[in-house]
C-alpha atoms as a PDB file:
ATOM      1  CA  MET A   1      19.096 -52.254  34.972  1.00  0.00           C
ATOM      2  CA  ALA A   2      23.140 -51.526  35.990  1.00  0.00           C
ATOM      3  CA  ARG A   3      25.663 -54.015  34.318  1.00  0.00           C
ATOM      4  CA  MET A   4      27.644 -55.770  37.215  1.00  0.00           C
ATOM      5  CA  ALA A   5      31.400 -56.167  36.512  1.00  0.00           C
ATOM      6  CA  GLU A   6      32.923 -59.568  36.033  1.00  0.00           C
ATOM      7  CA  THR A   7      34.897 -60.673  39.339  1.00  0.00           C
ATOM      8  CA  GLN A   8      37.499 -62.891  39.591  1.00  0.00           C
ATOM      9  CA  THR A   9      36.906 -66.150  41.312  1.00  0.00           C
ATOM     10  CA  GLY A  10      38.989 -69.005  43.027  1.00  0.00           C
ATOM     11  CA  SER A  11      41.444 -68.641  45.829  1.00  0.00           C
ATOM     12  CA  SER A  12      44.742 -69.632  46.452  1.00  0.00           C
ATOM     13  CA  ARG A  13      46.317 -70.256  50.097  1.00  0.00           C
ATOM     14  CA  ILE A  14      49.859 -69.920  51.556  1.00  0.00           C
ATOM     15  CA  GLY A  15      51.386 -70.879  54.573  1.00  0.00           C
ATOM     16  CA  GLY A  16      49.208 -71.812  57.775  1.00  0.00           C
ATOM     17  CA  PRO A  17      48.719 -71.083  61.237  1.00  0.00           C
ATOM     18  CA  GLU A  18      52.331 -73.450  62.015  1.00  0.00           C
ATOM     19  CA  GLN A  19      54.583 -71.242  59.175  1.00  0.00           C
ATOM     20  CA  VAL A  20      55.769 -67.630  59.849  1.00  0.00           C
ATOM     21  CA  LEU A  21      56.196 -66.670  56.081  1.00  0.00           C
ATOM     22  CA  THR A  22      59.286 -63.944  54.616  1.00  0.00           C
ATOM     23  CA  ASP A  23      58.499 -60.798  53.208  1.00  0.00           C
ATOM     24  CA  ASP A  24      59.877 -62.348  49.750  1.00  0.00           C
ATOM     25  CA  GLU A  25      57.524 -65.403  50.111  1.00  0.00           C
ATOM     26  CA  ILE A  26      54.244 -63.211  50.590  1.00  0.00           C
ATOM     27  CA  THR A  27      55.839 -60.530  48.040  1.00  0.00           C
ATOM     28  CA  GLN A  28      56.635 -63.732  45.497  1.00  0.00           C
ATOM     29  CA  PHE A  29      52.241 -65.065  45.845  1.00  0.00           C
ATOM     30  CA  VAL A  30      50.761 -62.420  45.451  1.00  0.00           C
ATOM     31  CA  ARG A  31      52.692 -61.450  42.315  1.00  0.00           C
ATOM     32  CA  GLU A  32      52.032 -64.834  41.115  1.00  0.00           C
ATOM     33  CA  GLN A  33      48.746 -64.940  41.571  1.00  0.00           C
ATOM     34  CA  LEU A  34      48.203 -61.509  40.379  1.00  0.00           C
ATOM     35  CA  ASP A  35      50.354 -62.552  37.300  1.00  0.00           C
ATOM     36  CA  ALA A  36      48.156 -65.635  36.725  1.00  0.00           C
ATOM     37  CA  ARG A  37      44.744 -63.112  36.548  1.00  0.00           C
ATOM     38  CA  ASP A  38      43.453 -61.653  33.618  1.00  0.00           C
ATOM     39  CA  LEU A  39      43.525 -57.866  35.021  1.00  0.00           C
ATOM     40  CA  ASP A  40      45.413 -56.204  31.866  1.00  0.00           C
ATOM     41  CA  GLY A  41      43.643 -52.768  30.789  1.00  0.00           C
ATOM     42  CA  ARG A  42      40.968 -53.582  33.757  1.00  0.00           C
ATOM     43  CA  SER A  43      40.197 -51.713  36.939  1.00  0.00           C
ATOM     44  CA  VAL A  44      41.111 -53.497  39.942  1.00  0.00           C
ATOM     45  CA  CYS A  45      39.724 -52.633  43.513  1.00  0.00           C
ATOM     46  CA  LEU A  46      41.716 -53.942  46.719  1.00  0.00           C
ATOM     47  CA  VAL A  47      39.133 -54.366  49.468  1.00  0.00           C
ATOM     48  CA  ILE A  48      41.777 -53.985  52.796  1.00  0.00           C
ATOM     49  CA  PRO A  49      40.560 -55.527  55.969  1.00  0.00           C
ATOM     50  CA  ASP A  50      39.360 -53.380  58.956  1.00  0.00           C
ATOM     51  CA  GLY A  51      41.590 -53.057  62.006  1.00  0.00           C
ATOM     52  CA  THR A  52      39.751 -56.496  63.591  1.00  0.00           C
ATOM     53  CA  ARG A  53      42.263 -58.518  61.385  1.00  0.00           C
ATOM     54  CA  SER A  54      45.823 -58.538  61.562  1.00  0.00           C
ATOM     55  CA  CYS A  55      48.243 -59.100  58.265  1.00  0.00           C
ATOM     56  CA  PRO A  56      51.137 -57.002  56.641  1.00  0.00           C
ATOM     57  CA  ILE A  57      48.552 -54.455  55.163  1.00  0.00           C
ATOM     58  CA  PRO A  58      51.630 -52.136  53.756  1.00  0.00           C
ATOM     59  CA  LEU A  59      53.870 -54.577  52.806  1.00  0.00           C
ATOM     60  CA  LEU A  60      50.496 -56.690  50.553  1.00  0.00           C
ATOM     61  CA  LEU A  61      49.534 -53.004  49.197  1.00  0.00           C
ATOM     62  CA  THR A  62      53.304 -52.610  47.958  1.00  0.00           C
ATOM     63  CA  ALA A  63      53.591 -55.995  46.428  1.00  0.00           C
ATOM     64  CA  ALA A  64      49.931 -55.773  44.566  1.00  0.00           C
ATOM     65  CA  HIS A  65      50.987 -52.535  43.042  1.00  0.00           C
ATOM     66  CA  GLU A  66      54.621 -53.902  42.217  1.00  0.00           C
ATOM     67  CA  ALA A  67      52.700 -56.588  40.303  1.00  0.00           C
ATOM     68  CA  LEU A  68      49.553 -54.087  38.640  1.00  0.00           C
ATOM     69  CA  ALA A  69      51.663 -50.773  37.776  1.00  0.00           C
ATOM     70  CA  GLY A  70      51.384 -50.446  34.041  1.00  0.00           C
ATOM     71  CA  ARG A  71      49.246 -53.532  34.021  1.00  0.00           C
ATOM     72  CA  VAL A  72      45.760 -52.124  34.964  1.00  0.00           C
ATOM     73  CA  THR A  73      43.901 -48.813  34.146  1.00  0.00           C
ATOM     74  CA  ARG A  74      43.211 -48.172  38.096  1.00  0.00           C
ATOM     75  CA  LEU A  75      44.075 -49.609  41.125  1.00  0.00           C
ATOM     76  CA  THR A  76      41.901 -48.595  44.243  1.00  0.00           C
ATOM     77  CA  ALA A  77      42.398 -49.553  47.841  1.00  0.00           C
ATOM     78  CA  LEU A  78      39.057 -50.011  49.583  1.00  0.00           C
ATOM     79  CA  VAL A  79      38.797 -50.687  53.480  1.00  0.00           C
ATOM     80  CA  ALA A  80      36.069 -52.753  54.770  1.00  0.00           C
ATOM     81  CA  LEU A  81      34.333 -50.789  57.436  1.00  0.00           C
ATOM     82  CA  GLY A  82      30.968 -51.332  58.641  1.00  0.00           C
ATOM     83  CA  THR A  83      31.008 -55.193  60.158  1.00  0.00           C
ATOM     84  CA  HIS A  84      33.634 -54.293  62.998  1.00  0.00           C
ATOM     85  CA  ALA A  85      35.454 -51.957  64.786  1.00  0.00           C
ATOM     86  CA  PRO A  86      36.452 -49.314  62.506  1.00  0.00           C
ATOM     87  CA  MET A  87      40.312 -48.257  62.455  1.00  0.00           C
ATOM     88  CA  ASP A  88      40.872 -44.518  63.544  1.00  0.00           C
ATOM     89  CA  GLU A  89      42.293 -42.253  60.748  1.00  0.00           C
ATOM     90  CA  ALA A  90      45.918 -42.437  62.210  1.00  0.00           C
ATOM     91  CA  HIS A  91      45.548 -45.851  61.857  1.00  0.00           C
ATOM     92  CA  LEU A  92      44.366 -46.066  58.631  1.00  0.00           C
ATOM     93  CA  ILE A  93      47.077 -43.849  57.261  1.00  0.00           C
ATOM     94  CA  SER A  94      49.499 -45.794  58.883  1.00  0.00           C
ATOM     95  CA  GLU A  95      48.690 -49.133  57.282  1.00  0.00           C
ATOM     96  CA  THR A  96      48.257 -47.424  53.901  1.00  0.00           C
ATOM     97  CA  HIS A  97      51.426 -44.859  53.646  1.00  0.00           C
ATOM     98  CA  PRO A  98      53.615 -45.917  56.535  1.00  0.00           C
ATOM     99  CA  GLU A  99      56.632 -44.154  54.863  1.00  0.00           C
ATOM    100  CA  ILE A 100      54.680 -41.151  55.132  1.00  0.00           C
ATOM    101  CA  TYR A 101      55.702 -40.850  58.820  1.00  0.00           C
ATOM    102  CA  GLU A 102      59.207 -41.530  58.246  1.00  0.00           C
ATOM    103  CA  ILE A 103      59.320 -38.717  55.115  1.00  0.00           C
ATOM    104  CA  GLY A 104      56.748 -36.169  56.050  1.00  0.00           C
ATOM    105  CA  TYR A 105      54.878 -34.034  53.566  1.00  0.00           C
ATOM    106  CA  HIS A 106      57.291 -31.762  51.647  1.00  0.00           C
ATOM    107  CA  CYS A 107      57.867 -29.636  48.444  1.00  0.00           C
ATOM    108  CA  ARG A 108      59.421 -31.427  45.398  1.00  0.00           C
ATOM    109  CA  ASP A 109      62.599 -29.753  45.725  1.00  0.00           C
ATOM    110  CA  TYR A 110      62.896 -31.103  49.603  1.00  0.00           C
ATOM    111  CA  PHE A 111      63.459 -34.533  47.893  1.00  0.00           C
ATOM    112  CA  VAL A 112      64.872 -33.735  44.354  1.00  0.00           C
ATOM    113  CA  LYS A 113      67.760 -31.662  46.005  1.00  0.00           C
ATOM    114  CA  GLN A 114      68.441 -34.593  48.550  1.00  0.00           C
ATOM    115  CA  TRP A 115      68.045 -37.102  46.319  1.00  0.00           C
ATOM    116  CA  ASP A 116      71.015 -39.716  47.764  1.00  0.00           C
ATOM    117  CA  THR A 117      68.627 -39.598  50.874  1.00  0.00           C
ATOM    118  CA  PHE A 118      65.475 -40.289  49.317  1.00  0.00           C
ATOM    119  CA  SER A 119      66.311 -42.430  46.332  1.00  0.00           C
ATOM    120  CA  GLY A 120      65.251 -45.292  48.158  1.00  0.00           C
ATOM    121  CA  VAL A 121      61.603 -44.161  48.726  1.00  0.00           C
ATOM    122  CA  HIS A 122      58.622 -45.494  46.704  1.00  0.00           C
ATOM    123  CA  TRP A 123      58.128 -42.782  43.723  1.00  0.00           C
ATOM    124  CA  GLY A 124      54.039 -43.288  44.768  1.00  0.00           C
ATOM    125  CA  VAL A 125      55.213 -41.998  48.078  1.00  0.00           C
ATOM    126  CA  LEU A 126      56.984 -39.158  47.160  1.00  0.00           C
ATOM    127  CA  ALA A 127      54.275 -38.416  44.689  1.00  0.00           C
ATOM    128  CA  HIS A 128      51.747 -38.395  47.227  1.00  0.00           C
ATOM    129  CA  SER A 129      53.877 -36.333  49.756  1.00  0.00           C
ATOM    130  CA  THR A 130      54.605 -33.580  46.936  1.00  0.00           C
ATOM    131  CA  HIS A 131      51.103 -33.377  45.872  1.00  0.00           C
ATOM    132  CA  LEU A 132      49.826 -32.445  48.879  1.00  0.00           C
ATOM    133  CA  ARG A 133      52.265 -29.918  49.964  1.00  0.00           C
ATOM    134  CA  GLY A 134      52.363 -28.052  46.439  1.00  0.00           C
ATOM    135  CA  ALA A 135      55.096 -25.960  45.279  1.00  0.00           C
ATOM    136  CA  GLY A 136      58.064 -24.670  47.422  1.00  0.00           C
ATOM    137  CA  THR A 137      61.668 -24.172  47.344  1.00  0.00           C
ATOM    138  CA  TRP A 138      64.689 -26.522  49.461  1.00  0.00           C
ATOM    139  CA  ASP A 139      68.047 -25.118  49.515  1.00  0.00           C
ATOM    140  CA  ALA A 140      70.548 -26.363  52.362  1.00  0.00           C
ATOM    141  CA  GLU A 141      71.116 -23.029  53.579  1.00  0.00           C
ATOM    142  CA  HIS A 142      67.727 -21.938  54.014  1.00  0.00           C
ATOM    143  CA  GLY A 143      65.740 -24.964  54.520  1.00  0.00           C
ATOM    144  CA  GLU A 144      62.315 -25.269  53.174  1.00  0.00           C
ATOM    145  CA  HIS A 145      60.148 -22.930  51.739  1.00  0.00           C
ATOM    146  CA  ASP A 146      56.710 -23.760  50.752  1.00  0.00           C
ATOM    147  CA  ARG A 147      54.082 -21.900  48.752  1.00  0.00           C
ATOM    148  CA  VAL A 148      51.172 -23.538  51.183  1.00  0.00           C
ATOM    149  CA  ARG A 149      50.745 -23.689  54.594  1.00  0.00           C
ATOM    150  CA  VAL A 150      48.731 -27.170  54.940  1.00  0.00           C
ATOM    151  CA  THR A 151      46.650 -27.450  58.755  1.00  0.00           C
ATOM    152  CA  LEU A 152      44.558 -30.451  59.566  1.00  0.00           C
ATOM    153  CA  ALA A 153      41.372 -30.207  61.882  1.00  0.00           C
ATOM    154  CA  THR A 154      41.098 -33.720  62.502  1.00  0.00           C
ATOM    155  CA  GLY A 155      40.755 -36.166  65.216  1.00  0.00           C
ATOM    156  CA  ILE A 156      44.168 -37.519  64.235  1.00  0.00           C
ATOM    157  CA  PRO A 157      46.413 -37.164  67.570  1.00  0.00           C
ATOM    158  CA  GLU A 158      48.739 -33.851  67.286  1.00  0.00           C
ATOM    159  CA  ASP A 159      52.172 -35.349  67.388  1.00  0.00           C
ATOM    160  CA  VAL A 160      51.173 -37.835  64.391  1.00  0.00           C
ATOM    161  CA  VAL A 161      49.921 -35.096  62.250  1.00  0.00           C
ATOM    162  CA  ARG A 162      53.166 -32.865  63.445  1.00  0.00           C
ATOM    163  CA  ARG A 163      55.796 -35.638  62.442  1.00  0.00           C
ATOM    164  CA  ALA A 164      54.308 -35.852  59.207  1.00  0.00           C
ATOM    165  CA  ASN A 165      55.260 -32.175  58.401  1.00  0.00           C
ATOM    166  CA  LEU A 166      51.651 -30.518  58.843  1.00  0.00           C
ATOM    167  CA  GLY A 167      50.165 -27.965  61.114  1.00  0.00           C
ATOM    168  CA  TYR A 168      47.229 -29.123  63.491  1.00  0.00           C
ATOM    169  CA  LEU A 169      44.221 -27.524  64.171  1.00  0.00           C
ATOM    170  CA  ASP A 170      41.792 -29.136  66.952  1.00  0.00           C
ATOM    171  CA  PRO A 171      38.754 -29.349  64.941  1.00  0.00           C
ATOM    172  CA  SER A 172      36.537 -28.166  67.724  1.00  0.00           C
ATOM    173  CA  THR A 173      37.751 -24.638  67.604  1.00  0.00           C
ATOM    174  CA  VAL A 174      36.799 -24.555  64.178  1.00  0.00           C
ATOM    175  CA  ASP A 175      34.161 -21.938  63.326  1.00  0.00           C
ATOM    176  CA  VAL A 176      33.095 -21.946  59.550  1.00  0.00           C
ATOM    177  CA  ALA A 177      30.229 -19.612  60.090  1.00  0.00           C
ATOM    178  CA  ALA A 178      32.867 -17.188  61.264  1.00  0.00           C
ATOM    179  CA  PHE A 179      35.758 -18.097  58.498  1.00  0.00           C
ATOM    180  CA  GLU A 180      32.447 -17.579  56.123  1.00  0.00           C
ATOM    181  CA  ALA A 181      31.801 -14.277  57.194  1.00  0.00           C
ATOM    182  CA  ASP A 182      35.287 -12.926  57.177  1.00  0.00           C
ATOM    183  CA  GLY A 183      35.784 -10.962  53.262  1.00  0.00           C
ATOM    184  CA  GLU A 184      39.185 -12.069  53.465  1.00  0.00           C
ATOM    185  CA  THR A 185      38.934 -15.967  53.617  1.00  0.00           C
ATOM    186  CA  PHE A 186      37.663 -18.222  51.114  1.00  0.00           C
ATOM    187  CA  VAL A 187      35.876 -21.205  52.193  1.00  0.00           C
ATOM    188  CA  VAL A 188      34.979 -23.912  49.857  1.00  0.00           C
ATOM    189  CA  PRO A 189      32.405 -26.073  51.010  1.00  0.00           C
ATOM    190  CA  ASN A 190      33.099 -29.994  50.468  1.00  0.00           C
ATOM    191  CA  ALA A 191      36.538 -28.942  49.473  1.00  0.00           C
ATOM    192  CA  GLY A 192      37.709 -32.556  48.969  1.00  0.00           C
ATOM    193  CA  GLU A 193      35.129 -33.133  46.090  1.00  0.00           C
ATOM    194  CA  VAL A 194      35.717 -29.721  44.287  1.00  0.00           C
ATOM    195  CA  LEU A 195      39.303 -28.550  42.779  1.00  0.00           C
ATOM    196  CA  PHE A 196      40.238 -25.027  42.369  1.00  0.00           C
ATOM    197  CA  ARG A 197      42.952 -23.335  40.739  1.00  0.00           C
ATOM    198  CA  LEU A 198      44.980 -20.316  42.666  1.00  0.00           C
ATOM    199  CA  ARG A 199      46.157 -17.581  40.349  1.00  0.00           C
END
């Protein structure tokens, strides 16, 4: 029989329909609630409401991350889809990494060599941006030169993808069989589940 993880019980409330909370009040409340829980060394899963709920998801995720970083072994964000109309991909990304729309995806040098501009961006967001883009160089004279070009074949609107400094491909034009037949193309089935080191 599988062992179920112990869950934290109890709830607390702040505010109400007659009150608008400030960002500081929300952040302090989240910190106080998480500080009061025995979470050190544990794995924590944050369940994010789907598109039918209205709440400041980026603020709540940031507050939870700041309160739990260094305390927990793993922090996972899970979107509660399935019982209501789902969020589309663009909405989901904007809620979980809204800063990406402002800074885009770039190589490490792009941020490091312009640190005065990007020092105020959360390091987790910068890490996410550079992990996707990979190795590359940047200098003021020549701009950014990336080792790889990242192109998304996705239902996310093209302007949203390009604003994030990524290439866009209409998914209806992708012919996987043609790629597999091309001896110069490396096709990885289920590539999101497998990592490869290119030499």
